[in-house]
């Protein structure tokens, strides 16, 4: 892992209104599901079981 690089964002305040208005898509991911999916991917990718 590397320290923060130029251009890395500490946090985001994403506004998806344009996405919803222009394309009819409204993301609705649940945090618990997303974190669980990421942890599974991370373990599989780095073989950290």
PDB file of N, CA and C in Angstrom:
ATOM      1  N   UNK A   1       0.841  -1.172   0.000  1.00  0.00           N
ATOM      2  CA  UNK A   1       0.000   0.000   0.000  1.00  0.00           C
ATOM      3  C   UNK A   1       0.893   1.244   0.000  1.00  0.00           C
ATOM      4  N   UNK A   2       0.378   2.272  -0.613  1.00  0.00           N
ATOM      5  CA  UNK A   2       1.128   3.515  -0.722  1.00  0.00           C
ATOM      6  C   UNK A   2       0.443   4.600   0.101  1.00  0.00           C
ATOM      7  N   UNK A   3       1.215   5.603   0.527  1.00  0.00           N
ATOM      8  CA  UNK A   3       0.576   6.735   1.202  1.00  0.00           C
ATOM      9  C   UNK A   3      -0.297   7.498   0.212  1.00  0.00           C
ATOM     10  N   UNK A   4      -1.076   8.413   0.707  1.00  0.00           N
ATOM     11  CA  UNK A   4      -1.938   9.230  -0.142  1.00  0.00           C
ATOM     12  C   UNK A   4      -1.097   9.870  -1.243  1.00  0.00           C
ATOM     13  N   UNK A   5      -1.638   9.841  -2.457  1.00  0.00           N
ATOM     14  CA  UNK A   5      -0.968  10.405  -3.617  1.00  0.00           C
ATOM     15  C   UNK A   5      -1.662  11.700  -4.026  1.00  0.00           C
ATOM     16  N   UNK A   6      -0.957  12.529  -4.779  1.00  0.00           N
ATOM     17  CA  UNK A   6      -1.574  13.739  -5.309  1.00  0.00           C
ATOM     18  C   UNK A   6      -2.822  13.353  -6.087  1.00  0.00           C
ATOM     19  N   UNK A   7      -3.920  13.991  -5.803  1.00  0.00           N
ATOM     20  CA  UNK A   7      -5.170  13.696  -6.495  1.00  0.00           C
ATOM     21  C   UNK A   7      -6.060  12.713  -5.761  1.00  0.00           C
ATOM     22  N   UNK A   8      -5.538  12.002  -4.745  1.00  0.00           N
ATOM     23  CA  UNK A   8      -6.380  11.096  -3.964  1.00  0.00           C
ATOM     24  C   UNK A   8      -7.370  11.908  -3.145  1.00  0.00           C
ATOM     25  N   UNK A   9      -8.582  11.427  -3.058  1.00  0.00           N
ATOM     26  CA  UNK A   9      -9.606  12.115  -2.276  1.00  0.00           C
ATOM     27  C   UNK A   9      -9.818  11.442  -0.938  1.00  0.00           C
ATOM     28  N   UNK A  10      -9.834  12.228   0.125  1.00  0.00           N
ATOM     29  CA  UNK A  10     -10.061  11.686   1.463  1.00  0.00           C
ATOM     30  C   UNK A  10     -11.526  11.298   1.618  1.00  0.00           C
ATOM     31  N   UNK A  11     -12.411  12.096   1.072  1.00  0.00           N
ATOM     32  CA  UNK A  11     -13.834  11.795   1.113  1.00  0.00           C
ATOM     33  C   UNK A  11     -14.492  12.381  -0.132  1.00  0.00           C
ATOM     34  N   UNK A  12     -15.725  12.000  -0.339  1.00  0.00           N
ATOM     35  CA  UNK A  12     -16.453  12.498  -1.501  1.00  0.00           C
ATOM     36  C   UNK A  12     -17.850  12.940  -1.082  1.00  0.00           C
ATOM     37  N   UNK A  13     -18.367  13.876  -1.775  1.00  0.00           N
ATOM     38  CA  UNK A  13     -19.731  14.338  -1.561  1.00  0.00           C
ATOM     39  C   UNK A  13     -20.454  14.183  -2.897  1.00  0.00           C
ATOM     40  N   UNK A  14     -20.472  12.941  -3.401  1.00  0.00           N
ATOM     41  CA  UNK A  14     -21.029  12.653  -4.715  1.00  0.00           C
ATOM     42  C   UNK A  14     -22.473  13.106  -4.810  1.00  0.00           C
ATOM     43  N   UNK A  15     -22.795  13.711  -5.919  1.00  0.00           N
ATOM     44  CA  UNK A  15     -24.154  14.130  -6.209  1.00  0.00           C
ATOM     45  C   UNK A  15     -24.596  13.368  -7.451  1.00  0.00           C
ATOM     46  N   UNK A  16     -25.528  12.448  -7.282  1.00  0.00           N
ATOM     47  CA  UNK A  16     -25.961  11.605  -8.397  1.00  0.00           C
ATOM     48  C   UNK A  16     -27.235  12.125  -9.055  1.00  0.00           C
ATOM     49  N   UNK A  17     -27.622  13.362  -8.781  1.00  0.00           N
ATOM     50  CA  UNK A  17     -28.851  13.906  -9.365  1.00  0.00           C
ATOM     51  C   UNK A  17     -28.814  13.914 -10.888  1.00  0.00           C
ATOM     52  N   UNK A  18     -27.697  14.337 -11.493  1.00  0.00           N
ATOM     53  CA  UNK A  18     -27.603  14.357 -12.953  1.00  0.00           C
ATOM     54  C   UNK A  18     -27.737  12.949 -13.527  1.00  0.00           C
ATOM     55  N   UNK A  19     -27.137  11.976 -12.878  1.00  0.00           N
ATOM     56  CA  UNK A  19     -27.229  10.596 -13.326  1.00  0.00           C
ATOM     57  C   UNK A  19     -28.684  10.127 -13.313  1.00  0.00           C
ATOM     58  N   UNK A  20     -29.386  10.435 -12.243  1.00  0.00           N
ATOM     59  CA  UNK A  20     -30.791  10.040 -12.139  1.00  0.00           C
ATOM     60  C   UNK A  20     -31.652  10.798 -13.151  1.00  0.00           C
ATOM     61  N   UNK A  21     -31.458  12.100 -13.260  1.00  0.00           N
ATOM     62  CA  UNK A  21     -32.281  12.917 -14.156  1.00  0.00           C
ATOM     63  C   UNK A  21     -32.035  12.597 -15.628  1.00  0.00           C
ATOM     64  N   UNK A  22     -30.792  12.366 -16.010  1.00  0.00           N
ATOM     65  CA  UNK A  22     -30.461  12.154 -17.417  1.00  0.00           C
ATOM     66  C   UNK A  22     -30.603  10.711 -17.886  1.00  0.00           C
ATOM     67  N   UNK A  23     -30.427   9.763 -16.962  1.00  0.00           N
ATOM     68  CA  UNK A  23     -30.416   8.358 -17.377  1.00  0.00           C
ATOM     69  C   UNK A  23     -31.410   7.491 -16.608  1.00  0.00           C
ATOM     70  N   UNK A  24     -32.091   8.074 -15.628  1.00  0.00           N
ATOM     71  CA  UNK A  24     -33.064   7.305 -14.861  1.00  0.00           C
ATOM     72  C   UNK A  24     -32.444   6.273 -13.937  1.00  0.00           C
ATOM     73  N   UNK A  25     -31.153   6.427 -13.624  1.00  0.00           N
ATOM     74  CA  UNK A  25     -30.458   5.471 -12.761  1.00  0.00           C
ATOM     75  C   UNK A  25     -30.208   6.089 -11.404  1.00  0.00           C
ATOM     76  N   UNK A  26     -30.654   5.408 -10.369  1.00  0.00           N
ATOM     77  CA  UNK A  26     -30.420   5.888  -9.002  1.00  0.00           C
ATOM     78  C   UNK A  26     -29.737   4.767  -8.214  1.00  0.00           C
ATOM     79  N   UNK A  27     -28.449   4.939  -7.914  1.00  0.00           N
ATOM     80  CA  UNK A  27     -27.744   3.909  -7.133  1.00  0.00           C
ATOM     81  C   UNK A  27     -28.408   3.721  -5.774  1.00  0.00           C
ATOM     82  N   UNK A  28     -28.471   2.477  -5.326  1.00  0.00           N
ATOM     83  CA  UNK A  28     -29.093   2.218  -4.020  1.00  0.00           C
ATOM     84  C   UNK A  28     -28.380   1.084  -3.289  1.00  0.00           C
ATOM     85  N   UNK A  29     -27.078   1.064  -3.379  1.00  0.00           N
ATOM     86  CA  UNK A  29     -26.292   0.016  -2.737  1.00  0.00           C
ATOM     87  C   UNK A  29     -26.323   0.173  -1.230  1.00  0.00           C
ATOM     88  N   UNK A  30     -26.391  -0.951  -0.545  1.00  0.00           N
ATOM     89  CA  UNK A  30     -26.363  -0.965   0.921  1.00  0.00           C
ATOM     90  C   UNK A  30     -24.914  -1.097   1.386  1.00  0.00           C
ATOM     91  N   UNK A  31     -24.536  -0.293   2.355  1.00  0.00           N
ATOM     92  CA  UNK A  31     -23.153  -0.263   2.839  1.00  0.00           C
ATOM     93  C   UNK A  31     -22.676  -1.641   3.279  1.00  0.00           C
ATOM     94  N   UNK A  32     -23.494  -2.364   4.043  1.00  0.00           N
ATOM     95  CA  UNK A  32     -23.079  -3.672   4.553  1.00  0.00           C
ATOM     96  C   UNK A  32     -22.786  -4.645   3.407  1.00  0.00           C
ATOM     97  N   UNK A  33     -23.604  -4.606   2.358  1.00  0.00           N
ATOM     98  CA  UNK A  33     -23.398  -5.494   1.220  1.00  0.00           C
ATOM     99  C   UNK A  33     -22.121  -5.112   0.487  1.00  0.00           C
ATOM    100  N   UNK A  34     -21.928  -3.817   0.282  1.00  0.00           N
ATOM    101  CA  UNK A  34     -20.741  -3.353  -0.449  1.00  0.00           C
ATOM    102  C   UNK A  34     -19.462  -3.680   0.302  1.00  0.00           C
ATOM    103  N   UNK A  35     -19.437  -3.448   1.586  1.00  0.00           N
ATOM    104  CA  UNK A  35     -18.234  -3.735   2.376  1.00  0.00           C
ATOM    105  C   UNK A  35     -17.960  -5.232   2.370  1.00  0.00           C
ATOM    106  N   UNK A  36     -19.001  -6.038   2.540  1.00  0.00           N
ATOM    107  CA  UNK A  36     -18.826  -7.490   2.502  1.00  0.00           C
ATOM    108  C   UNK A  36     -18.274  -7.968   1.172  1.00  0.00           C
ATOM    109  N   UNK A  37     -18.784  -7.404   0.080  1.00  0.00           N
ATOM    110  CA  UNK A  37     -18.296  -7.768  -1.257  1.00  0.00           C
ATOM    111  C   UNK A  37     -16.838  -7.367  -1.432  1.00  0.00           C
ATOM    112  N   UNK A  38     -16.492  -6.190  -0.953  1.00  0.00           N
ATOM    113  CA  UNK A  38     -15.109  -5.727  -1.067  1.00  0.00           C
ATOM    114  C   UNK A  38     -14.169  -6.622  -0.264  1.00  0.00           C
ATOM    115  N   UNK A  39     -14.545  -6.982   0.943  1.00  0.00           N
ATOM    116  CA  UNK A  39     -13.691  -7.829   1.784  1.00  0.00           C
ATOM    117  C   UNK A  39     -13.487  -9.183   1.117  1.00  0.00           C
ATOM    118  N   UNK A  40     -14.552  -9.761   0.556  1.00  0.00           N
ATOM    119  CA  UNK A  40     -14.417 -11.036  -0.141  1.00  0.00           C
ATOM    120  C   UNK A  40     -13.462 -10.892  -1.327  1.00  0.00           C
ATOM    121  N   UNK A  41     -13.652  -9.845  -2.129  1.00  0.00           N
ATOM    122  CA  UNK A  41     -12.760  -9.629  -3.271  1.00  0.00           C
ATOM    123  C   UNK A  41     -11.311  -9.472  -2.795  1.00  0.00           C
ATOM    124  N   UNK A  42     -11.108  -8.680  -1.767  1.00  0.00           N
ATOM    125  CA  UNK A  42      -9.756  -8.406  -1.263  1.00  0.00           C
ATOM    126  C   UNK A  42      -9.077  -9.706  -0.837  1.00  0.00           C
ATOM    127  N   UNK A  43      -9.793 -10.519  -0.071  1.00  0.00           N
ATOM    128  CA  UNK A  43      -9.217 -11.781   0.390  1.00  0.00           C
ATOM    129  C   UNK A  43      -8.895 -12.704  -0.782  1.00  0.00           C
ATOM    130  N   UNK A  44      -9.815 -12.778  -1.740  1.00  0.00           N
ATOM    131  CA  UNK A  44      -9.574 -13.625  -2.915  1.00  0.00           C
ATOM    132  C   UNK A  44      -8.393 -13.095  -3.733  1.00  0.00           C
ATOM    133  N   UNK A  45      -8.365 -11.788  -3.942  1.00  0.00           N
ATOM    134  CA  UNK A  45      -7.328 -11.183  -4.782  1.00  0.00           C
ATOM    135  C   UNK A  45      -5.951 -11.330  -4.157  1.00  0.00           C
ATOM    136  N   UNK A  46      -5.851 -11.116  -2.858  1.00  0.00           N
ATOM    137  CA  UNK A  46      -4.559 -11.165  -2.186  1.00  0.00           C
ATOM    138  C   UNK A  46      -4.306 -12.508  -1.502  1.00  0.00           C
ATOM    139  N   UNK A  47      -5.229 -13.454  -1.696  1.00  0.00           N
ATOM    140  CA  UNK A  47      -5.109 -14.784  -1.113  1.00  0.00           C
ATOM    141  C   UNK A  47      -4.855 -14.690   0.390  1.00  0.00           C
ATOM    142  N   UNK A  48      -5.563 -13.782   1.039  1.00  0.00           N
ATOM    143  CA  UNK A  48      -5.386 -13.547   2.483  1.00  0.00           C
ATOM    144  C   UNK A  48      -6.518 -14.235   3.240  1.00  0.00           C
ATOM    145  N   UNK A  49      -6.443 -15.518   3.343  1.00  0.00           N
ATOM    146  CA  UNK A  49      -7.517 -16.279   3.999  1.00  0.00           C
ATOM    147  C   UNK A  49      -7.158 -16.627   5.409  1.00  0.00           C
TER     148      UNK A  49
END
